[in-house]
Every structure is written in structure tokens, then in C-alpha cells.
Protein backbone atom coordinates (compact mmCIF):
# COMPACT_ATOMS: atom_id res chain seq x y z
CA MET A 1 -0.02 0.03 0.19
CA GLN A 2 1.44 3.54 -0.84
CA MET A 3 0.29 6.80 0.94
CA THR A 4 -1.07 8.81 -1.82
CA PRO A 5 -2.34 12.31 -1.12
CA MET A 6 -5.97 10.86 -1.40
CA ILE A 7 -5.56 7.92 1.19
CA GLU A 8 -3.22 10.46 3.22
CA SER A 9 -6.08 12.86 3.52
CA PHE A 10 -8.45 10.47 4.30
CA VAL A 11 -6.48 8.79 7.12
CA TYR A 12 -5.29 12.03 8.81
CA HIS A 13 -8.82 13.43 8.73
CA PHE A 14 -9.95 10.11 10.31
CA GLY A 15 -7.54 10.45 12.80
CA GLU A 16 -8.99 13.78 13.80
CA MET A 17 -12.55 12.54 13.96
CA GLY A 18 -11.43 9.39 15.79
CA SER A 19 -10.45 12.01 18.83
CA ARG A 20 -14.03 13.25 18.61
CA TRP A 21 -15.30 9.72 18.74
CA GLY A 22 -13.50 8.25 21.98
CA PHE A 23 -10.14 6.99 20.76
CA ASN A 24 -6.81 9.10 20.07
CA ARG A 25 -5.88 10.70 16.75
CA THR A 26 -3.14 7.96 16.06
CA VAL A 27 -5.51 5.04 16.84
CA GLY A 28 -7.95 6.55 14.44
CA GLN A 29 -5.36 6.97 11.63
CA ILE A 30 -4.28 3.13 12.11
CA TYR A 31 -7.96 2.16 11.98
CA ALA A 32 -8.60 4.15 8.85
CA LEU A 33 -5.65 2.98 7.07
CA LEU A 34 -6.77 -0.83 8.27
CA VAL A 35 -10.34 0.00 6.69
CA ILE A 36 -9.06 1.36 3.09
CA SER A 37 -6.52 -1.24 2.76
CA GLU A 38 -7.22 -4.33 0.46
CA GLN A 39 -4.95 -6.59 2.27
CA PRO A 40 -4.04 -7.12 5.80
CA LEU A 41 -1.04 -4.94 7.38
CA CYS A 42 1.65 -6.09 9.70
CA ALA A 43 2.62 -3.40 12.41
CA ASN A 44 5.81 -2.51 11.14
CA GLU A 45 4.30 -1.53 7.67
CA ILE A 46 1.33 0.77 9.70
CA GLY A 47 4.18 2.31 11.51
CA ASP A 48 6.14 2.93 8.38
CA LEU A 49 3.32 4.34 6.37
CA LEU A 50 1.98 6.37 9.08
CA GLY A 51 5.56 7.53 10.15
CA ILE A 52 4.86 6.39 13.95
CA SER A 53 6.90 4.03 16.40
CA ARG A 54 6.18 0.17 16.47
CA GLY A 55 5.30 0.75 20.12
CA ASN A 56 2.74 3.53 19.28
CA VAL A 57 1.34 0.78 16.65
CA SER A 58 1.21 -1.77 19.29
CA MET A 59 -0.36 0.70 21.64
CA GLY A 60 -2.99 1.51 18.82
CA LEU A 61 -4.01 -2.11 17.92
CA LYS A 62 -4.22 -2.99 21.52
CA GLU A 63 -6.84 -0.25 21.99
CA LEU A 64 -8.75 -0.98 18.50
CA GLY A 65 -8.79 -4.72 19.79
CA SER A 66 -10.26 -3.86 23.26
CA TRP A 67 -13.21 -2.14 20.88
CA GLN A 68 -13.27 -5.57 18.81
CA LEU A 69 -12.38 -3.34 15.45
CA VAL A 70 -9.56 -5.26 14.39
CA GLN A 71 -8.57 -8.70 13.83
CA VAL A 72 -5.45 -10.64 13.58
CA GLN A 73 -4.43 -12.99 10.69
CA HIS A 74 -1.64 -15.35 10.35
CA LYS A 75 -0.21 -15.90 6.97
CA PRO A 76 1.50 -19.35 6.09
CA GLY A 77 5.25 -19.08 6.49
CA GLU A 78 5.05 -15.55 8.31
CA ARG A 79 5.94 -15.03 11.91
CA ARG A 80 4.55 -11.46 11.99
CA GLU A 81 0.86 -10.80 12.61
CA PHE A 82 -1.12 -9.11 10.34
CA TYR A 83 -4.10 -6.97 10.84
CA HIS A 84 -7.38 -5.90 9.24
CA THR A 85 -10.83 -4.57 10.15
CA ARG A 86 -13.58 -7.00 11.57
CA GLY A 87 -16.90 -6.71 9.52
CA SER A 88 -18.47 -4.06 7.50
CA ILE A 89 -18.60 -0.48 8.04
CA TRP A 90 -22.07 -0.62 9.56
CA ASP A 91 -20.38 -3.19 12.34
CA MET A 92 -17.71 -0.83 12.89
CA ALA A 93 -20.33 1.80 13.45
CA ASN A 94 -22.30 -0.63 15.70
CA ARG A 95 -19.25 -1.34 17.97
CA VAL A 96 -17.99 2.36 18.21
CA PHE A 97 -21.74 3.24 19.21
CA GLU A 98 -21.74 0.50 21.57
CA GLU A 99 -18.41 1.24 23.28
CA ARG A 100 -19.31 4.83 23.72
CA ARG A 101 -22.55 3.78 25.23
CA LYS A 102 -20.54 1.73 27.90
CA ARG A 103 -18.14 4.47 28.52
CA GLU A 104 -20.18 7.46 28.49
CA MET A 105 -24.02 6.81 28.73
CA ASP A 106 -23.98 3.91 31.35
CA PRO A 107 -22.14 5.68 34.16
CA THR A 108 -23.96 8.91 33.42
CA LEU A 109 -27.15 7.16 33.74
CA THR A 110 -26.05 5.13 37.04
CA LEU A 111 -24.93 8.51 38.47
CA LEU A 112 -28.31 10.12 37.70
CA ARG A 113 -30.42 7.13 39.11
CA ASP A 114 -28.26 7.31 42.54
CA ILE A 115 -29.10 11.08 42.66
CA MET A 116 -32.55 10.27 41.97
CA MET A 117 -32.79 7.71 44.69
CA ASP A 118 -31.36 10.47 47.35
CA GLU A 119 -33.89 12.14 49.77
CA ALA A 120 -34.00 15.84 48.92
CA ALA A 121 -32.85 17.75 51.76
CA ASN A 122 -34.42 21.13 50.70
CA PRO A 123 -36.63 22.84 47.92
CA GLU A 124 -33.62 23.39 45.74
CA GLU A 125 -32.30 19.67 45.74
CA ALA A 126 -36.19 18.80 45.01
CA PHE A 127 -36.11 20.95 42.02
CA ALA A 128 -32.54 19.75 41.22
CA GLN A 129 -33.98 16.01 41.39
CA GLN A 130 -36.97 16.95 39.13
CA ARG A 131 -34.45 18.41 36.48
CA ILE A 132 -32.16 15.32 36.74
CA THR A 133 -35.00 12.87 36.24
CA GLU A 134 -35.72 14.74 33.04
CA ILE A 135 -32.41 14.50 31.90
CA HIS A 136 -32.26 10.70 32.97
CA ASP A 137 -35.47 9.94 31.19
CA LEU A 138 -34.23 11.57 27.83
CA LEU A 139 -30.94 9.99 28.15
CA GLU A 140 -32.75 6.45 28.84
CA ASN A 141 -34.95 6.95 25.68
CA ILE A 142 -32.35 7.96 23.40
CA THR A 143 -30.16 4.91 24.63
CA GLU A 144 -33.07 2.66 24.07
CA TRP A 145 -33.83 4.23 20.77
CA THR A 146 -30.14 3.74 19.70
CA GLN A 147 -30.25 0.13 20.77
CA SER A 148 -33.27 -0.62 18.92
CA LEU A 149 -31.82 1.19 15.76
CA GLN A 150 -28.69 -1.12 16.12
CA SER A 151 -30.44 -4.22 15.95
CA LEU A 152 -31.74 -3.19 12.30
CA SER A 153 -30.27 -4.28 9.36
CA PRO A 154 -28.35 -1.88 7.27
CA GLU A 155 -30.82 -2.15 4.70
CA LYS A 156 -33.85 -1.47 7.01
CA LEU A 157 -31.85 1.18 8.53
CA ASN A 158 -31.46 3.15 5.32
CA THR A 159 -34.99 2.81 4.31
CA LEU A 160 -35.53 4.45 7.88
CA MET A 161 -33.08 7.27 7.24
CA LYS A 162 -34.33 7.80 3.96
CA LEU A 163 -37.92 8.30 5.34
CA GLY A 164 -36.51 10.91 7.74
CA SER A 165 -38.03 14.49 7.43
CA GLY A 166 -41.25 12.45 5.89
CA VAL A 167 -41.79 11.14 9.14
CA GLY A 168 -41.81 14.74 10.82
CA LYS A 169 -44.04 15.94 8.31
CA VAL A 170 -46.64 13.07 9.06
CA LEU A 171 -46.32 13.57 12.78
CA GLU A 172 -46.78 17.29 12.27
CA PHE A 173 -49.91 16.65 10.10
CA THR A 174 -51.29 14.43 12.65
CA ASP A 175 -50.51 17.12 15.21
CA LYS A 176 -52.47 19.39 13.09
CA PHE A 177 -55.27 17.17 12.49
CA LEU A 178 -55.83 16.26 16.27
CA GLY A 179 -55.38 20.07 17.26
CA LYS A 180 -52.54 19.70 19.09
CA LYS A 181 -49.91 22.63 19.67
CA ASP A 182 -46.28 22.14 19.37
CA PRO A 183 -44.88 23.10 22.52
CA ALA A 184 -41.66 24.31 20.96
CA LYS A 185 -43.39 26.90 18.74
CA GLN A 186 -45.21 28.06 22.01
CA ALA A 187 -42.03 29.27 23.77
């Protein structure tokens, strides 16, 4: 594999995006390289292509392994380990969503539940608990919704996404027909 300007642009941008998705820039670059590589790559090839140390590659591959995003492959007659991505792009997105849920949403929901179970000591705490309950319920609904979406096949999810704004228009029409007012427009 060669780092052409197009491949380099994608790999470096993916690294920047990776830092927003929950893993560091180098891990994102390693993963991007594996995503667009037709053949599995060994750690030395990854390091040479990205200009990073073997130790940095090893730590990055270990991180990707903990997210279940890479798989090791052995080639006959080779002592080196080769790496490639596990599953489809859809599988990758699901794993990233799932890992982020475990690392970010689950601890937050646990903390919110604990606070909700505490006895309010004064009116300020009672108000705070009411707002915390609203936050909890929203996050819980989002979590359940995303888990439902993750269980859909890529084809069904694509169909659902294409419906997109059409569903919103149907809901607006239903509200108008039933005479309901939009609380967002009343503010």
C-alpha cells in the first residue's frame, strides 16, 4: 500500500475524527488505514506508512482490539501478525456506538439514578432532582432508541433514514389534524 495524497487525506482526517469519537488521533489513523487497505497489514507496515513508532502502533492496535474493531490474521510461512478490520462499516459503527454507550452513557445513567434515589434535603435539591429526572429520562430514551436502531439490518436502517423528514411531516400533520399545539413553537 502507498500513502497517496487521497489516502493520506482520508487517514489524517479520520484520525482527527477519531479523537471526537472516543479514541486518540493515532488510533483513528491506524484504523482508517486498515479500513481502506485491501490486504491485511503488519505492525511494521502500519508504522512505516504513518511515520509512527512500533510501540505506538502496538498500543493503537491493542486499543482497537479492545473495541473489537480489528482482527489478527496469520499468513502461512510468516511469523508476523497481520491486522485487518472486523466486519463491515456498519459493524464498525455499531461497535463504536456500543463502546461509547458503555463508556459514557451507562456511567452517567448510573450516577443520575443514584441521585434520583437520594432524599431531597431542601426545595433546591427537590427542584434539582426533578430536572435530573428529566435528563435521565431523555438519556434513557435515547439509549433505548439507539439500541433499537442498532438491531436493524443496514438495509432497514437505510430505509428508515430515507424516510427521515417525511416522518416528521406526518407527525406534524397528525398534530394539526388532532388540534395539538407544538410546545417548541409556543415558547
